[in-house]
Amino acid sequence: MAPSSATVYGRAVRCVLLHGFAGDPASWDDVAIDGERIALPGHRGGGPLADDWAGNLAAIAARIGRCDAVIGYSLGARVALGLVAGGHAPRGILISVNPGIADAERAARRASDAAWAKLARERGTAAFLAAWEAQPLFATQQRAPADRLAARRARRLALDPEQLARSLETTGLAEMPDYRDQIDSRFTLIAGADDARYVAIARALAAPLEVIADSGHDPLLEQPAPLTAAIDRALGRALGRTPGRAPGR
């Protein structure tokens, strides 16, 4: 059960929450923001994957209906970016987002994703996760509470390896448009202070940035309370209100 929103603005708007790759809606359990938590295609409860980025984005857009803000982490942040860029939502809060790569980089990225997909298919979910989570990008996650890590691992082990592979092949960074020129005042960016690469990506973009202290790539797991506060500030700015002042006053 997700905690009730502990925020001023999280109760004032309709938010949609999108998890990351190999995640699920329960990834948001420790983030006290009210919202509709959507499972992405290829993940538990998210339905089948389409054959390409555009098809998957259209399927998600059809499910979210009207919302005031779409909030996403990693893969979910890229989806949120695509939804706002496509006119399906008015604003987005993007956590640890890579908004796109140049065409010259796509072949190398596609080859990398293909290697990960091959690992998932040939060795199964447990072996895939062991290798995936051992990447330096995720090293700081070992600082998270043991019970939180164990709960996430149990949920991840239930994922289907074929769907993980197809998610990489159809929603990977090489498959989506380069949205960098779409980043503007409709968005707030959030990154963990210890995730130097994604802080640098965010600082190069034309949108406000919130940096979460003592967090790496996944603030949902590593620092959910400061993340909640950062999201609430972003919603307040989007509504043109001052944090701490109740909506409508």
Protein backbone atom coordinates (compact mmCIF):
# COMPACT_ATOMS: atom_id res chain seq x y z
CA MET A 1 0.00 0.00 0.00
CA ALA A 2 1.44 3.35 -1.01
CA PRO A 3 1.62 6.04 1.68
CA SER A 4 -0.92 8.82 1.48
CA SER A 5 0.51 11.99 0.02
CA ALA A 6 2.51 13.89 2.61
CA THR A 7 2.65 16.93 0.36
CA VAL A 8 0.68 20.08 -0.28
CA TYR A 9 0.56 19.93 -4.06
CA GLY A 10 0.55 16.15 -4.52
CA ARG A 11 -3.10 16.27 -3.44
CA ALA A 12 -3.99 19.27 -5.61
CA VAL A 13 -3.31 17.78 -9.03
CA ARG A 14 -3.86 14.49 -10.84
CA CYS A 15 -0.47 12.86 -11.25
CA VAL A 16 0.52 9.75 -13.17
CA LEU A 17 3.58 7.88 -11.88
CA LEU A 18 5.75 5.78 -14.21
CA HIS A 19 8.38 3.33 -12.95
CA GLY A 20 11.72 2.47 -14.52
CA PHE A 21 13.00 -0.51 -16.50
CA ALA A 22 12.64 -3.77 -14.53
CA GLY A 23 10.42 -1.93 -12.08
CA ASP A 24 6.72 -1.93 -11.30
CA PRO A 25 4.17 0.40 -9.70
CA ALA A 26 5.35 -0.71 -6.24
CA SER A 27 8.61 1.12 -6.98
CA TRP A 28 6.72 4.21 -5.79
CA ASP A 29 5.64 2.71 -2.45
CA ASP A 30 8.00 4.84 -0.35
CA VAL A 31 7.36 8.07 -2.26
CA ALA A 32 4.46 9.89 -0.59
CA ILE A 33 2.86 11.37 -3.70
CA ASP A 34 -0.74 10.56 -4.56
CA GLY A 35 -1.15 9.50 -8.15
CA GLU A 36 -2.16 6.80 -10.57
CA ARG A 37 0.72 4.35 -10.80
CA ILE A 38 0.90 2.88 -14.29
CA ALA A 39 2.72 -0.35 -15.16
CA LEU A 40 4.74 0.03 -18.35
CA PRO A 41 4.26 -2.44 -21.23
CA GLY A 42 6.32 -5.59 -20.82
CA HIS A 43 6.27 -5.29 -17.03
CA ARG A 44 3.84 -6.94 -14.62
CA GLY A 45 0.37 -5.52 -15.17
CA GLY A 46 1.48 -3.36 -18.10
CA GLY A 47 0.16 -5.43 -20.98
CA PRO A 48 2.06 -6.51 -24.08
CA LEU A 49 4.78 -4.51 -25.75
CA ALA A 50 4.22 -2.94 -29.15
CA ASP A 51 6.85 -3.31 -31.85
CA ASP A 52 8.36 0.15 -31.50
CA TRP A 53 8.66 3.26 -29.33
CA ALA A 54 5.73 5.07 -30.96
CA GLY A 55 3.41 2.11 -30.49
CA ASN A 56 4.30 1.72 -26.83
CA LEU A 57 3.91 5.45 -26.21
CA ALA A 58 0.48 5.44 -27.86
CA ALA A 59 -0.63 2.51 -25.69
CA ILE A 60 0.44 4.30 -22.52
CA ALA A 61 -1.17 7.57 -23.61
CA ALA A 62 -4.47 5.73 -24.12
CA ARG A 63 -4.32 4.43 -20.55
CA ILE A 64 -3.48 7.62 -18.66
CA GLY A 65 -6.41 9.77 -19.79
CA ARG A 66 -6.40 13.32 -18.45
CA CYS A 67 -3.67 14.24 -16.01
CA ASP A 68 -2.03 17.42 -14.74
CA ALA A 69 1.48 16.01 -14.50
CA VAL A 70 3.26 12.82 -15.45
CA ILE A 71 6.16 11.84 -13.19
CA GLY A 72 8.63 9.21 -14.31
CA TYR A 73 11.89 7.59 -13.31
CA SER A 74 14.54 6.51 -15.87
CA LEU A 75 12.62 4.60 -18.58
CA GLY A 76 9.45 6.05 -17.06
CA ALA A 77 10.99 9.52 -17.30
CA ARG A 78 11.69 9.00 -21.00
CA VAL A 79 8.10 7.89 -21.49
CA ALA A 80 6.87 10.93 -19.52
CA LEU A 81 8.98 13.16 -21.74
CA GLY A 82 7.46 11.58 -24.84
CA LEU A 83 3.94 12.00 -23.47
CA VAL A 84 4.40 15.71 -22.78
CA ALA A 85 6.21 16.28 -26.08
CA GLY A 86 3.32 14.55 -27.85
CA GLY A 87 0.67 16.69 -26.16
CA HIS A 88 -0.74 13.93 -23.94
CA ALA A 89 0.10 15.73 -20.67
CA PRO A 90 0.80 19.40 -19.88
CA ARG A 91 3.87 18.96 -17.70
CA GLY A 92 6.41 16.38 -16.62
CA ILE A 93 8.75 15.70 -13.72
CA LEU A 94 11.64 13.64 -15.01
CA ILE A 95 13.83 11.69 -12.58
CA SER A 96 17.20 10.47 -13.89
CA VAL A 97 16.27 11.06 -17.51
CA ASN A 98 18.32 10.73 -20.66
CA PRO A 99 16.30 12.77 -23.17
CA GLY A 100 17.89 11.34 -26.28
CA ILE A 101 21.03 10.60 -28.22
CA ALA A 102 22.40 11.65 -31.59
CA ASP A 103 21.81 9.46 -34.61
CA ALA A 104 25.53 8.68 -34.74
CA GLU A 105 25.28 7.03 -31.31
CA ARG A 106 22.30 4.82 -32.06
CA ALA A 107 24.09 1.85 -33.59
CA ALA A 108 26.41 1.41 -30.60
CA ARG A 109 23.54 1.78 -28.14
CA ARG A 110 21.38 -0.67 -30.08
CA ALA A 111 24.22 -3.21 -30.04
CA SER A 112 24.59 -2.78 -26.27
CA ASP A 113 20.86 -3.27 -25.72
CA ALA A 114 20.93 -6.33 -27.99
CA ALA A 115 23.66 -7.87 -25.84
CA TRP A 116 21.59 -7.32 -22.69
CA ALA A 117 18.51 -8.78 -24.41
CA LYS A 118 20.52 -11.84 -25.43
CA LEU A 119 21.64 -12.31 -21.83
CA ALA A 120 18.05 -12.17 -20.58
CA ARG A 121 16.85 -14.70 -23.14
CA GLU A 122 19.71 -17.15 -22.77
CA ARG A 123 20.34 -17.06 -19.02
CA GLY A 124 17.05 -15.95 -17.51
CA THR A 125 15.89 -13.23 -15.18
CA ALA A 126 18.11 -13.95 -12.17
CA ALA A 127 21.35 -13.94 -14.16
CA PHE A 128 20.25 -10.88 -16.10
CA LEU A 129 19.46 -8.96 -12.91
CA ALA A 130 22.76 -9.93 -11.29
CA ALA A 131 24.65 -8.44 -14.23
CA TRP A 132 22.33 -5.46 -14.66
CA GLU A 133 22.48 -4.40 -11.02
CA ALA A 134 26.28 -4.77 -10.96
CA GLN A 135 26.71 -1.83 -13.35
CA PRO A 136 28.58 1.14 -11.80
CA LEU A 137 25.52 3.34 -12.44
CA PHE A 138 23.68 1.44 -9.70
CA ALA A 139 26.50 1.05 -7.14
CA THR A 140 25.06 3.57 -4.68
CA GLN A 141 21.85 1.56 -4.39
CA GLN A 142 23.59 -0.80 -2.00
CA ARG A 143 23.30 1.98 0.61
CA ALA A 144 19.51 1.61 0.61
CA PRO A 145 17.89 -0.27 3.51
CA ALA A 146 18.22 -4.03 3.19
CA ASP A 147 14.49 -4.66 3.44
CA ARG A 148 13.79 -2.23 0.61
CA LEU A 149 16.41 -3.90 -1.58
CA ALA A 150 15.05 -7.36 -0.77
CA ALA A 151 11.49 -6.36 -1.63
CA ARG A 152 12.60 -4.95 -4.96
CA ARG A 153 14.65 -8.05 -5.76
CA ALA A 154 11.67 -10.33 -5.05
CA ARG A 155 9.46 -8.31 -7.39
CA ARG A 156 12.12 -8.21 -10.10
CA LEU A 157 12.70 -11.96 -10.01
CA ALA A 158 9.07 -12.42 -11.06
CA LEU A 159 9.69 -10.54 -14.33
CA ASP A 160 9.62 -12.45 -17.60
CA PRO A 161 13.03 -12.54 -19.33
CA GLU A 162 11.52 -12.36 -22.82
CA GLN A 163 9.60 -9.23 -21.87
CA LEU A 164 12.72 -7.66 -20.38
CA ALA A 165 14.52 -8.38 -23.65
CA ARG A 166 11.74 -6.95 -25.78
CA SER A 167 11.49 -3.87 -23.57
CA LEU A 168 15.15 -3.13 -24.28
CA GLU A 169 14.60 -3.71 -27.99
CA THR A 170 11.47 -1.56 -28.34
CA THR A 171 11.79 1.15 -25.66
CA GLY A 172 15.55 1.46 -25.34
CA LEU A 173 17.33 4.77 -25.76
CA ALA A 174 18.30 3.89 -29.34
CA GLU A 175 14.63 3.44 -30.30
CA MET A 176 13.20 6.74 -29.09
CA PRO A 177 13.41 10.17 -30.73
CA ASP A 178 15.97 12.69 -29.57
CA TYR A 179 13.81 14.88 -27.34
CA ARG A 180 16.55 17.23 -26.14
CA ASP A 181 15.12 20.24 -27.95
CA GLN A 182 11.70 19.58 -26.36
CA ILE A 183 12.95 20.23 -22.83
CA ASP A 184 11.58 23.58 -21.60
CA SER A 185 9.60 25.12 -18.74
CA ARG A 186 7.00 22.33 -18.92
CA PHE A 187 9.49 20.08 -17.17
CA THR A 188 11.35 19.77 -13.90
CA LEU A 189 14.41 17.53 -13.84
CA ILE A 190 15.54 15.56 -10.79
CA ALA A 191 18.83 13.73 -10.36
CA GLY A 192 20.78 12.20 -7.49
CA ALA A 193 23.82 14.20 -6.41
CA ASP A 194 26.01 11.09 -6.58
CA ASP A 195 24.93 10.31 -10.15
CA ALA A 196 27.43 12.63 -11.85
CA ARG A 197 26.55 11.56 -15.37
CA TYR A 198 22.84 12.32 -15.05
CA VAL A 199 23.41 15.54 -13.14
CA ALA A 200 25.58 16.67 -16.06
CA ILE A 201 22.92 15.64 -18.58
CA ALA A 202 20.28 17.59 -16.64
CA ARG A 203 22.42 20.70 -16.25
CA ALA A 204 22.81 20.89 -20.04
CA LEU A 205 19.03 21.08 -20.52
CA ALA A 206 16.72 24.10 -20.39
CA ALA A 207 14.60 23.16 -17.37
CA PRO A 208 14.75 23.59 -13.58
CA LEU A 209 16.83 20.95 -11.79
CA GLU A 210 16.42 19.49 -8.31
CA VAL A 211 19.46 17.57 -7.02
CA ILE A 212 18.81 14.95 -4.31
CA ALA A 213 21.61 14.72 -1.75
CA ASP A 214 23.04 11.30 -0.83
CA SER A 215 21.36 9.62 -3.79
CA GLY A 216 22.60 7.99 -6.95
CA HIS A 217 20.58 7.07 -10.01
CA ASP A 218 17.41 5.87 -8.22
CA PRO A 219 16.11 8.35 -5.63
CA LEU A 220 12.87 6.33 -5.34
CA LEU A 221 14.91 3.58 -3.73
CA GLU A 222 17.73 5.57 -2.15
CA GLN A 223 16.11 8.79 -0.86
CA PRO A 224 12.32 8.64 -1.17
CA ALA A 225 11.54 11.34 1.43
CA PRO A 226 13.75 14.05 -0.13
CA LEU A 227 12.42 12.97 -3.52
CA THR A 228 8.86 13.48 -2.29
CA ALA A 229 9.75 17.02 -1.19
CA ALA A 230 11.43 17.77 -4.53
CA ILE A 231 8.39 16.56 -6.48
CA ASP A 232 6.11 18.68 -4.32
CA ARG A 233 8.22 21.78 -4.95
CA ALA A 234 8.09 21.06 -8.68
CA LEU A 235 4.31 20.72 -8.59
CA GLY A 236 4.07 23.98 -6.65
CA ARG A 237 6.14 25.79 -9.25
CA ALA A 238 4.04 24.32 -12.04
CA LEU A 239 0.89 25.60 -10.35
CA GLY A 240 2.44 29.03 -9.73
CA ARG A 241 2.19 28.65 -5.98
CA THR A 242 4.62 28.99 -3.13
CA PRO A 243 5.57 25.82 -1.20
CA GLY A 244 3.88 25.73 2.17
CA ARG A 245 0.81 27.69 1.07
CA ALA A 246 -2.24 25.51 0.70
CA PRO A 247 -3.85 25.32 -2.76
CA GLY A 248 -6.63 27.83 -3.30
CA ARG A 249 -5.37 30.33 -0.73
